[in-house]
N, C-alpha and C. Protein backbone atom coordinates (compact mmCIF):
# COMPACT_ATOMS: atom_id res chain seq x y z
N MET A 1 0.86 -1.16 0.00
CA MET A 1 0.00 0.00 0.00
C MET A 1 0.90 1.22 0.00
N SER A 2 0.73 2.08 -0.97
CA SER A 2 1.56 3.27 -1.09
C SER A 2 0.71 4.50 -1.38
N ILE A 3 1.15 5.62 -0.87
CA ILE A 3 0.51 6.91 -1.12
C ILE A 3 1.60 7.86 -1.59
N ARG A 4 1.42 8.42 -2.76
CA ARG A 4 2.39 9.39 -3.29
C ARG A 4 2.37 10.65 -2.43
N VAL A 5 3.58 11.20 -2.20
CA VAL A 5 3.72 12.46 -1.47
C VAL A 5 4.36 13.46 -2.42
N GLU A 6 3.65 14.52 -2.72
CA GLU A 6 4.20 15.56 -3.60
C GLU A 6 5.33 16.30 -2.87
N PRO A 7 6.33 16.79 -3.62
CA PRO A 7 7.45 17.48 -2.98
C PRO A 7 7.03 18.60 -2.02
N ASP A 8 5.96 19.31 -2.36
CA ASP A 8 5.54 20.42 -1.49
C ASP A 8 4.87 19.93 -0.20
N MET A 9 4.68 18.62 -0.05
CA MET A 9 4.12 18.05 1.18
C MET A 9 5.15 17.27 2.00
N VAL A 10 6.38 17.15 1.50
CA VAL A 10 7.41 16.40 2.22
C VAL A 10 7.69 17.03 3.57
N GLU A 11 7.85 18.33 3.61
CA GLU A 11 8.16 19.02 4.86
C GLU A 11 7.09 18.74 5.92
N ARG A 12 5.86 18.95 5.58
CA ARG A 12 4.74 18.76 6.52
C ARG A 12 4.59 17.29 6.90
N THR A 13 4.75 16.40 5.95
CA THR A 13 4.61 14.97 6.23
C THR A 13 5.73 14.48 7.14
N ALA A 14 6.97 14.84 6.84
CA ALA A 14 8.11 14.40 7.65
C ALA A 14 8.01 14.92 9.09
N ALA A 15 7.36 16.05 9.28
CA ALA A 15 7.23 16.62 10.63
C ALA A 15 6.41 15.73 11.56
N THR A 16 5.65 14.79 11.00
CA THR A 16 4.84 13.88 11.83
C THR A 16 5.65 12.66 12.29
N PHE A 17 6.89 12.55 11.84
CA PHE A 17 7.78 11.44 12.18
C PHE A 17 8.91 11.95 13.08
N GLY A 18 9.76 11.03 13.53
CA GLY A 18 10.96 11.39 14.28
C GLY A 18 12.12 11.60 13.32
N SER A 19 13.30 11.19 13.74
CA SER A 19 14.49 11.30 12.89
C SER A 19 14.39 10.32 11.73
N GLY A 20 15.10 10.65 10.66
CA GLY A 20 15.13 9.78 9.49
C GLY A 20 16.46 9.07 9.37
N THR A 21 16.55 8.18 8.40
CA THR A 21 17.79 7.47 8.11
C THR A 21 18.20 7.78 6.68
N LEU A 22 19.36 8.38 6.51
CA LEU A 22 19.91 8.70 5.19
C LEU A 22 20.70 7.49 4.71
N ILE A 23 20.42 7.07 3.48
CA ILE A 23 21.06 5.88 2.91
C ILE A 23 21.75 6.25 1.60
N GLY A 24 22.99 5.86 1.49
CA GLY A 24 23.75 6.01 0.25
C GLY A 24 24.46 4.69 -0.03
N TYR A 25 25.05 4.56 -1.20
CA TYR A 25 25.73 3.32 -1.56
C TYR A 25 27.16 3.61 -1.96
N HIS A 26 28.10 3.02 -1.23
CA HIS A 26 29.53 3.13 -1.51
C HIS A 26 29.93 1.94 -2.37
N THR A 27 30.56 2.19 -3.52
CA THR A 27 30.86 1.11 -4.45
C THR A 27 31.79 0.05 -3.87
N ASP A 28 32.65 0.40 -2.94
CA ASP A 28 33.57 -0.57 -2.34
C ASP A 28 33.06 -1.15 -1.03
N LEU A 29 32.30 -0.36 -0.28
CA LEU A 29 31.92 -0.76 1.08
C LEU A 29 30.45 -1.10 1.25
N GLY A 30 29.65 -0.89 0.22
CA GLY A 30 28.23 -1.20 0.30
C GLY A 30 27.39 -0.07 0.88
N VAL A 31 26.27 -0.42 1.46
CA VAL A 31 25.31 0.56 1.98
C VAL A 31 25.91 1.32 3.15
N ARG A 32 25.74 2.62 3.14
CA ARG A 32 26.19 3.50 4.23
C ARG A 32 24.96 4.22 4.75
N ILE A 33 24.80 4.32 6.07
CA ILE A 33 23.64 4.99 6.65
C ILE A 33 24.04 5.89 7.80
N VAL A 34 23.18 6.88 8.06
CA VAL A 34 23.34 7.75 9.23
C VAL A 34 21.96 8.30 9.60
N THR A 35 21.73 8.47 10.88
CA THR A 35 20.48 9.06 11.35
C THR A 35 20.55 10.57 11.14
N VAL A 36 19.45 11.15 10.63
CA VAL A 36 19.46 12.57 10.27
C VAL A 36 18.17 13.26 10.71
N ASP A 37 18.27 14.56 10.87
CA ASP A 37 17.13 15.43 11.12
C ASP A 37 17.20 16.57 10.10
N PRO A 38 16.75 16.31 8.87
CA PRO A 38 16.89 17.31 7.80
C PRO A 38 16.07 18.57 8.08
N VAL A 39 16.59 19.67 7.59
CA VAL A 39 15.81 20.91 7.52
C VAL A 39 15.19 20.89 6.14
N ILE A 40 13.86 20.83 6.11
CA ILE A 40 13.15 20.63 4.85
C ILE A 40 12.45 21.92 4.43
N GLU A 41 12.66 22.31 3.19
CA GLU A 41 12.04 23.51 2.64
C GLU A 41 10.66 23.16 2.08
N SER A 42 9.89 24.17 1.76
CA SER A 42 8.52 23.96 1.27
C SER A 42 8.47 23.25 -0.08
N ASP A 43 9.58 23.24 -0.83
CA ASP A 43 9.61 22.54 -2.13
C ASP A 43 10.14 21.11 -2.01
N GLY A 44 10.40 20.65 -0.77
CA GLY A 44 10.90 19.30 -0.55
C GLY A 44 12.41 19.18 -0.52
N THR A 45 13.13 20.27 -0.76
CA THR A 45 14.59 20.25 -0.69
C THR A 45 15.02 20.14 0.77
N MET A 46 16.00 19.27 1.04
CA MET A 46 16.43 19.02 2.41
C MET A 46 17.90 19.35 2.60
N THR A 47 18.21 20.07 3.67
CA THR A 47 19.59 20.33 4.06
C THR A 47 19.90 19.43 5.24
N ILE A 48 21.00 18.70 5.13
CA ILE A 48 21.39 17.75 6.16
C ILE A 48 22.84 18.01 6.56
N THR A 49 23.07 18.15 7.85
CA THR A 49 24.43 18.32 8.36
C THR A 49 24.85 17.07 9.13
N GLY A 50 26.13 16.96 9.40
CA GLY A 50 26.65 15.82 10.14
C GLY A 50 26.93 14.61 9.26
N VAL A 51 27.02 14.82 7.96
CA VAL A 51 27.33 13.73 7.03
C VAL A 51 28.84 13.74 6.80
N SER A 52 29.49 12.62 7.00
CA SER A 52 30.94 12.59 6.83
C SER A 52 31.40 11.19 6.44
N GLY A 53 32.68 11.02 6.35
CA GLY A 53 33.29 9.72 6.12
C GLY A 53 32.85 9.03 4.85
N THR A 54 32.62 7.73 4.97
CA THR A 54 32.34 6.93 3.78
C THR A 54 30.99 7.26 3.15
N LEU A 55 30.04 7.78 3.93
CA LEU A 55 28.75 8.17 3.33
C LEU A 55 28.95 9.40 2.44
N MET A 56 29.71 10.38 2.92
CA MET A 56 29.98 11.57 2.09
C MET A 56 30.76 11.16 0.84
N ASP A 57 31.73 10.24 1.00
CA ASP A 57 32.48 9.74 -0.15
C ASP A 57 31.55 9.06 -1.15
N ALA A 58 30.60 8.26 -0.65
CA ALA A 58 29.66 7.56 -1.52
C ALA A 58 28.80 8.53 -2.31
N LEU A 59 28.27 9.56 -1.63
CA LEU A 59 27.39 10.52 -2.30
C LEU A 59 28.15 11.38 -3.31
N ALA A 60 29.45 11.56 -3.11
CA ALA A 60 30.26 12.30 -4.09
C ALA A 60 30.38 11.53 -5.40
N VAL A 61 30.38 10.20 -5.33
CA VAL A 61 30.49 9.35 -6.51
C VAL A 61 29.13 9.09 -7.13
N ASP A 62 28.15 8.79 -6.28
CA ASP A 62 26.79 8.48 -6.73
C ASP A 62 25.82 9.31 -5.89
N PRO A 63 25.28 10.39 -6.43
CA PRO A 63 24.47 11.31 -5.63
C PRO A 63 23.08 10.82 -5.25
N ARG A 64 22.70 9.63 -5.71
CA ARG A 64 21.37 9.11 -5.36
C ARG A 64 21.34 8.79 -3.86
N ALA A 65 20.31 9.31 -3.20
CA ALA A 65 20.16 9.12 -1.76
C ALA A 65 18.71 8.80 -1.45
N THR A 66 18.51 8.06 -0.38
CA THR A 66 17.18 7.76 0.11
C THR A 66 17.13 8.11 1.59
N ILE A 67 16.04 8.72 2.01
CA ILE A 67 15.82 8.99 3.43
C ILE A 67 14.54 8.27 3.83
N VAL A 68 14.64 7.50 4.91
CA VAL A 68 13.51 6.70 5.39
C VAL A 68 13.15 7.14 6.80
N TRP A 69 11.87 7.44 7.00
CA TRP A 69 11.34 7.73 8.34
C TRP A 69 10.46 6.55 8.72
N GLN A 70 10.82 5.86 9.80
CA GLN A 70 10.08 4.68 10.23
C GLN A 70 8.77 5.08 10.93
N PRO A 71 7.80 4.18 10.94
CA PRO A 71 6.52 4.48 11.60
C PRO A 71 6.73 4.79 13.09
N THR A 72 5.88 5.64 13.61
CA THR A 72 5.94 5.98 15.03
C THR A 72 4.93 5.16 15.84
N VAL A 73 4.09 4.39 15.14
CA VAL A 73 3.11 3.52 15.80
C VAL A 73 3.14 2.15 15.10
N ARG A 74 2.68 1.14 15.81
CA ARG A 74 2.64 -0.21 15.26
C ARG A 74 1.78 -0.23 13.99
N HIS A 75 2.35 -0.81 12.95
CA HIS A 75 1.70 -0.95 11.65
C HIS A 75 1.33 0.40 11.02
N GLY A 76 2.10 1.42 11.40
CA GLY A 76 1.90 2.74 10.81
C GLY A 76 2.61 2.85 9.47
N TRP A 77 2.66 4.06 8.97
CA TRP A 77 3.22 4.33 7.66
C TRP A 77 4.70 4.67 7.74
N THR A 78 5.45 4.27 6.72
CA THR A 78 6.86 4.64 6.55
C THR A 78 6.91 5.70 5.45
N LEU A 79 7.68 6.76 5.69
CA LEU A 79 7.90 7.78 4.67
C LEU A 79 9.25 7.51 4.00
N VAL A 80 9.23 7.39 2.67
CA VAL A 80 10.44 7.12 1.89
C VAL A 80 10.61 8.25 0.88
N VAL A 81 11.75 8.93 0.94
CA VAL A 81 12.04 10.02 0.01
C VAL A 81 13.32 9.70 -0.74
N ASP A 82 13.25 9.68 -2.06
CA ASP A 82 14.43 9.51 -2.90
C ASP A 82 14.83 10.88 -3.44
N GLY A 83 16.14 11.06 -3.61
CA GLY A 83 16.59 12.34 -4.12
C GLY A 83 18.02 12.29 -4.61
N LEU A 84 18.48 13.45 -5.02
CA LEU A 84 19.86 13.63 -5.47
C LEU A 84 20.56 14.56 -4.50
N ALA A 85 21.71 14.10 -4.00
CA ALA A 85 22.46 14.87 -2.98
C ALA A 85 23.63 15.60 -3.61
N ARG A 86 23.88 16.78 -3.09
CA ARG A 86 25.11 17.50 -3.48
C ARG A 86 25.73 18.09 -2.23
N PRO A 87 27.05 17.94 -2.10
CA PRO A 87 27.73 18.50 -0.93
C PRO A 87 27.67 20.03 -0.94
N THR A 88 27.52 20.61 0.24
CA THR A 88 27.52 22.06 0.37
C THR A 88 28.55 22.52 1.40
N GLY A 89 29.31 21.60 1.92
CA GLY A 89 30.33 21.89 2.92
C GLY A 89 31.01 20.60 3.31
N SER A 90 31.90 20.66 4.29
CA SER A 90 32.67 19.48 4.67
C SER A 90 31.80 18.40 5.30
N ASP A 91 30.66 18.78 5.92
CA ASP A 91 29.79 17.78 6.53
C ASP A 91 28.32 18.03 6.23
N ALA A 92 28.03 18.73 5.14
CA ALA A 92 26.65 19.09 4.82
C ALA A 92 26.32 18.76 3.37
N ILE A 93 25.06 18.39 3.16
CA ILE A 93 24.56 18.13 1.82
C ILE A 93 23.18 18.75 1.67
N VAL A 94 22.79 18.95 0.43
CA VAL A 94 21.42 19.33 0.10
C VAL A 94 20.88 18.20 -0.77
N VAL A 95 19.69 17.72 -0.42
CA VAL A 95 19.05 16.65 -1.18
C VAL A 95 17.82 17.22 -1.86
N GLU A 96 17.79 17.10 -3.18
CA GLU A 96 16.62 17.51 -3.96
C GLU A 96 15.71 16.30 -4.11
N THR A 97 14.48 16.41 -3.66
CA THR A 97 13.53 15.31 -3.73
C THR A 97 13.19 14.99 -5.18
N THR A 98 13.32 13.72 -5.55
CA THR A 98 12.90 13.27 -6.88
C THR A 98 11.61 12.46 -6.81
N SER A 99 11.36 11.80 -5.67
CA SER A 99 10.09 11.10 -5.45
C SER A 99 9.93 10.86 -3.95
N ALA A 100 8.68 10.75 -3.54
CA ALA A 100 8.40 10.50 -2.12
C ALA A 100 7.09 9.72 -2.02
N MET A 101 7.04 8.83 -1.03
CA MET A 101 5.81 8.07 -0.81
C MET A 101 5.72 7.62 0.64
N LEU A 102 4.49 7.42 1.04
CA LEU A 102 4.19 6.74 2.30
C LEU A 102 3.94 5.30 1.93
N HIS A 103 4.46 4.38 2.73
CA HIS A 103 4.30 2.97 2.40
C HIS A 103 4.10 2.14 3.65
N ARG A 104 3.32 1.09 3.50
CA ARG A 104 3.25 0.01 4.48
C ARG A 104 2.74 -1.22 3.74
N PRO A 105 3.17 -2.40 4.19
CA PRO A 105 2.70 -3.62 3.52
C PRO A 105 1.23 -3.86 3.82
N SER A 106 0.57 -4.58 2.94
CA SER A 106 -0.86 -4.85 3.15
C SER A 106 -1.09 -5.63 4.43
N SER A 107 -0.09 -6.38 4.90
CA SER A 107 -0.24 -7.12 6.16
C SER A 107 -0.33 -6.19 7.37
N HIS A 108 -0.05 -4.91 7.17
CA HIS A 108 -0.15 -3.91 8.25
C HIS A 108 -1.39 -3.03 8.09
N SER A 109 -2.34 -3.46 7.29
CA SER A 109 -3.52 -2.64 7.02
C SER A 109 -4.42 -2.45 8.25
N ASP A 110 -4.14 -3.18 9.32
CA ASP A 110 -4.90 -2.96 10.55
C ASP A 110 -4.38 -1.75 11.33
N GLY A 111 -3.31 -1.13 10.82
CA GLY A 111 -2.77 0.07 11.45
C GLY A 111 -3.64 1.28 11.17
N PRO A 112 -3.24 2.43 11.72
CA PRO A 112 -4.06 3.63 11.55
C PRO A 112 -4.09 4.13 10.11
N ALA A 113 -5.22 4.70 9.73
CA ALA A 113 -5.34 5.32 8.41
C ALA A 113 -4.43 6.55 8.37
N TRP A 114 -3.94 6.87 7.18
CA TRP A 114 -3.10 8.07 7.04
C TRP A 114 -3.99 9.30 7.01
N GLU A 115 -3.63 10.30 7.78
CA GLU A 115 -4.33 11.59 7.76
C GLU A 115 -3.31 12.65 7.39
N TRP A 116 -3.58 13.36 6.30
CA TRP A 116 -2.66 14.39 5.85
C TRP A 116 -2.58 15.52 6.86
N PRO A 117 -1.37 15.97 7.16
CA PRO A 117 -1.22 17.15 8.03
C PRO A 117 -1.86 18.36 7.35
N GLU A 118 -2.40 19.24 8.12
CA GLU A 118 -3.05 20.44 7.55
C GLU A 118 -2.03 21.32 6.86
N ARG A 119 -2.49 21.97 5.79
CA ARG A 119 -1.66 22.94 5.06
C ARG A 119 -2.04 24.34 5.52
N ASP A 120 -1.07 25.24 5.40
CA ASP A 120 -1.32 26.63 5.78
C ASP A 120 -2.02 27.42 4.69
N ASP A 121 -1.94 26.91 3.43
CA ASP A 121 -2.48 27.70 2.32
C ASP A 121 -3.90 27.39 2.01
């Protein structure tokens, strides 16, 4: 079960979750991850600090990145955002959202229904 999240709703949607997990792929070392608290703009662009080491090296070679926010309740929704990362400093990146969705397997359909956070506009 998946629900598309438009880039202009990523900020509001992610605010209903806790910290996320940034995932990149290093060609020699495999998957690299770090827990993150992105600053998300209204267009879905995310600024993330505290990225270093092999994850920063991985994103320099392959800018594709995924950020996953796990459910905060049993059988709740997972927010998955794919994007392209570019370094903006020694430990900072900006990720441009290319796609985003809420997901949970059908076996978790007994969990809570998704309710969109209110918009200001």
